Structures are given as structure tokens and as C-alpha cells.
Amino acid sequence: MPEAVVEGVVVSFRTGPKTQSSNECIIQFLGIKSSGEAGRLIGRKVVCEIGKGTVRGKVVALHGRKGLVRARFRKGLPGQVGVRVRIVG
């Protein structure tokens, strides 16, 4: 994993046939292109800064084979896609 990979973008939320989970989302980290590289991010803590507050979460699983990961946050994220997140630990 490159050391400069600390930022990502929320691509989508975890959805079911009739529901959308606002506390789990799918993230694409910049510079990650394969599931092998993304696998090293599992267990890392992420933070999303929204306005003056922050929402903390954790990378819990891979999503597909193109480097996407699934993260679970303590509180729900806002509904818009494209929110920036970063790795903190």
C-alpha cells in the first residue's frame, strides 16, 4: 500500500432491495486499484468531517475486485455521494 493513500471518496451506500443503510458506505480510496491493495486497509479507522463535526468509522470489508472497501460508521453519513473521508489510524 502506498503511504500517500489517506483520502477516499464515498461512492455509494450499502443498499438492499428496499432499504439503504446510512451507516455503511462504499469508499474508493485514491491510488487503490485492486482488491489486494484494498485488503490492507481492512481494520483501519476512517473519519468523515461534516461541517464542524466528525463521524468516525472503520473499514470492515472489501467490495468487489476493483479496490473498493466497505466502511461502517458510528452515526449515519449525510445522503449525498462524494463526501471525502480520510484514514486516521
C-alpha atoms as a PDB file:
ATOM      1  CA  MET A   1       0.000   0.000   0.000  1.00  0.00           C
ATOM      2  CA  PRO A   2       1.430   3.406  -0.869  1.00  0.00           C
ATOM      3  CA  GLU A   3       1.985   5.646   2.140  1.00  0.00           C
ATOM      4  CA  ALA A   4       0.262   8.618   0.465  1.00  0.00           C
ATOM      5  CA  VAL A   5      -3.121   6.839   0.449  1.00  0.00           C
ATOM      6  CA  VAL A   6      -5.048   8.654   3.146  1.00  0.00           C
ATOM      7  CA  GLU A   7      -8.053  10.122   1.300  1.00  0.00           C
ATOM      8  CA  GLY A   8     -11.089   8.490  -0.177  1.00  0.00           C
ATOM      9  CA  VAL A   9     -14.486   9.318  -1.616  1.00  0.00           C
ATOM     10  CA  VAL A  10     -17.880   7.866  -0.695  1.00  0.00           C
ATOM     11  CA  VAL A  11     -19.097   6.211  -3.894  1.00  0.00           C
ATOM     12  CA  SER A  12     -22.356   4.698  -2.664  1.00  0.00           C
ATOM     13  CA  PHE A  13     -24.209   3.484   0.393  1.00  0.00           C
ATOM     14  CA  ARG A  14     -24.848  -0.145   1.230  1.00  0.00           C
ATOM     15  CA  THR A  15     -28.287  -0.918  -0.129  1.00  0.00           C
ATOM     16  CA  GLY A  16     -30.764  -3.758  -0.149  1.00  0.00           C
ATOM     17  CA  PRO A  17     -33.794  -4.347  -2.333  1.00  0.00           C
ATOM     18  CA  LYS A  18     -35.924  -1.912  -0.327  1.00  0.00           C
ATOM     19  CA  THR A  19     -33.582  -0.210   2.137  1.00  0.00           C
ATOM     20  CA  GLN A  20     -30.473   1.938   2.268  1.00  0.00           C
ATOM     21  CA  SER A  21     -28.086   1.760   5.205  1.00  0.00           C
ATOM     22  CA  SER A  22     -26.819   5.223   6.083  1.00  0.00           C
ATOM     23  CA  ASN A  23     -24.125   3.999   8.474  1.00  0.00           C
ATOM     24  CA  GLU A  24     -22.416   1.690   5.951  1.00  0.00           C
ATOM     25  CA  CYS A  25     -20.968   3.058   2.752  1.00  0.00           C
ATOM     26  CA  ILE A  26     -18.711   2.038  -0.103  1.00  0.00           C
ATOM     27  CA  ILE A  27     -15.469   4.023  -0.382  1.00  0.00           C
ATOM     28  CA  GLN A  28     -12.920   4.363  -3.182  1.00  0.00           C
ATOM     29  CA  PHE A  29      -9.512   5.351  -1.828  1.00  0.00           C
ATOM     30  CA  LEU A  30      -7.291   7.322  -4.164  1.00  0.00           C
ATOM     31  CA  GLY A  31      -4.480   5.231  -5.623  1.00  0.00           C
ATOM     32  CA  ILE A  32      -6.027   1.836  -4.790  1.00  0.00           C
ATOM     33  CA  LYS A  33      -6.894  -0.160  -7.926  1.00  0.00           C
ATOM     34  CA  SER A  34      -7.050  -3.819  -6.812  1.00  0.00           C
ATOM     35  CA  SER A  35      -8.573  -5.903  -4.060  1.00  0.00           C
ATOM     36  CA  GLY A  36      -5.098  -6.941  -2.897  1.00  0.00           C
ATOM     37  CA  GLU A  37      -4.139  -3.364  -2.130  1.00  0.00           C
ATOM     38  CA  ALA A  38      -7.550  -2.619  -0.613  1.00  0.00           C
ATOM     39  CA  GLY A  39      -7.324  -5.675   1.631  1.00  0.00           C
ATOM     40  CA  ARG A  40      -4.568  -3.987   3.606  1.00  0.00           C
ATOM     41  CA  LEU A  41      -6.999  -1.245   4.622  1.00  0.00           C
ATOM     42  CA  ILE A  42      -9.381  -3.561   6.490  1.00  0.00           C
ATOM     43  CA  GLY A  43      -9.455  -2.658  10.173  1.00  0.00           C
ATOM     44  CA  ARG A  44      -8.154   0.884   9.659  1.00  0.00           C
ATOM     45  CA  LYS A  45     -10.098   3.745  11.205  1.00  0.00           C
ATOM     46  CA  VAL A  46     -11.582   6.437   8.982  1.00  0.00           C
ATOM     47  CA  VAL A  47     -13.092   9.819   9.727  1.00  0.00           C
ATOM     48  CA  CYS A  48     -15.522  11.970   7.777  1.00  0.00           C
ATOM     49  CA  GLU A  49     -15.583  15.684   8.544  1.00  0.00           C
ATOM     50  CA  ILE A  50     -19.053  17.144   8.090  1.00  0.00           C
ATOM     51  CA  GLY A  51     -19.393  20.827   8.830  1.00  0.00           C
ATOM     52  CA  LYS A  52     -17.934  21.378  12.296  1.00  0.00           C
ATOM     53  CA  GLY A  53     -18.369  17.773  13.423  1.00  0.00           C
ATOM     54  CA  THR A  54     -16.741  14.478  12.594  1.00  0.00           C
ATOM     55  CA  VAL A  55     -18.104  10.975  12.163  1.00  0.00           C
ATOM     56  CA  ARG A  56     -15.752   8.105  12.937  1.00  0.00           C
ATOM     57  CA  GLY A  57     -15.847   4.696  11.356  1.00  0.00           C
ATOM     58  CA  LYS A  58     -13.898   1.601  10.456  1.00  0.00           C
ATOM     59  CA  VAL A  59     -13.142  -0.261   7.222  1.00  0.00           C
ATOM     60  CA  VAL A  60     -14.849  -3.641   7.611  1.00  0.00           C
ATOM     61  CA  ALA A  61     -14.727  -5.466   4.257  1.00  0.00           C
ATOM     62  CA  LEU A  62     -13.829  -5.434   0.588  1.00  0.00           C
ATOM     63  CA  HIS A  63     -16.422  -4.614  -2.057  1.00  0.00           C
ATOM     64  CA  GLY A  64     -15.719  -6.237  -5.395  1.00  0.00           C
ATOM     65  CA  ARG A  65     -12.372  -6.707  -7.119  1.00  0.00           C
ATOM     66  CA  LYS A  66     -11.517  -3.156  -8.150  1.00  0.00           C
ATOM     67  CA  GLY A  67     -10.262  -1.727  -4.860  1.00  0.00           C
ATOM     68  CA  LEU A  68     -13.483  -0.579  -3.212  1.00  0.00           C
ATOM     69  CA  VAL A  69     -13.994  -1.105   0.520  1.00  0.00           C
ATOM     70  CA  ARG A  70     -16.994  -1.047   2.819  1.00  0.00           C
ATOM     71  CA  ALA A  71     -16.850   1.108   5.944  1.00  0.00           C
ATOM     72  CA  ARG A  72     -19.193   1.176   8.921  1.00  0.00           C
ATOM     73  CA  PHE A  73     -19.662   4.494  10.735  1.00  0.00           C
ATOM     74  CA  ARG A  74     -20.950   5.113  14.268  1.00  0.00           C
ATOM     75  CA  LYS A  75     -23.560   7.598  13.101  1.00  0.00           C
ATOM     76  CA  GLY A  76     -25.108   7.858   9.676  1.00  0.00           C
ATOM     77  CA  LEU A  77     -23.450   9.925   6.982  1.00  0.00           C
ATOM     78  CA  PRO A  78     -25.328  12.581   5.019  1.00  0.00           C
ATOM     79  CA  GLY A  79     -27.171  11.326   1.956  1.00  0.00           C
ATOM     80  CA  GLN A  80     -25.017  12.910  -0.722  1.00  0.00           C
ATOM     81  CA  VAL A  81     -22.377  10.897  -2.524  1.00  0.00           C
ATOM     82  CA  GLY A  82     -18.878  12.312  -2.973  1.00  0.00           C
ATOM     83  CA  VAL A  83     -18.130  13.094   0.668  1.00  0.00           C
ATOM     84  CA  ARG A  84     -14.395  12.975   1.454  1.00  0.00           C
ATOM     85  CA  VAL A  85     -13.087  10.617   4.133  1.00  0.00           C
ATOM     86  CA  ARG A  86      -9.559  10.037   5.382  1.00  0.00           C
ATOM     87  CA  ILE A  87      -7.652   7.340   7.245  1.00  0.00           C
ATOM     88  CA  VAL A  88      -6.599   8.282  10.766  1.00  0.00           C
ATOM     89  CA  GLY A  89      -5.093   5.081  12.108  1.00  0.00           C
END
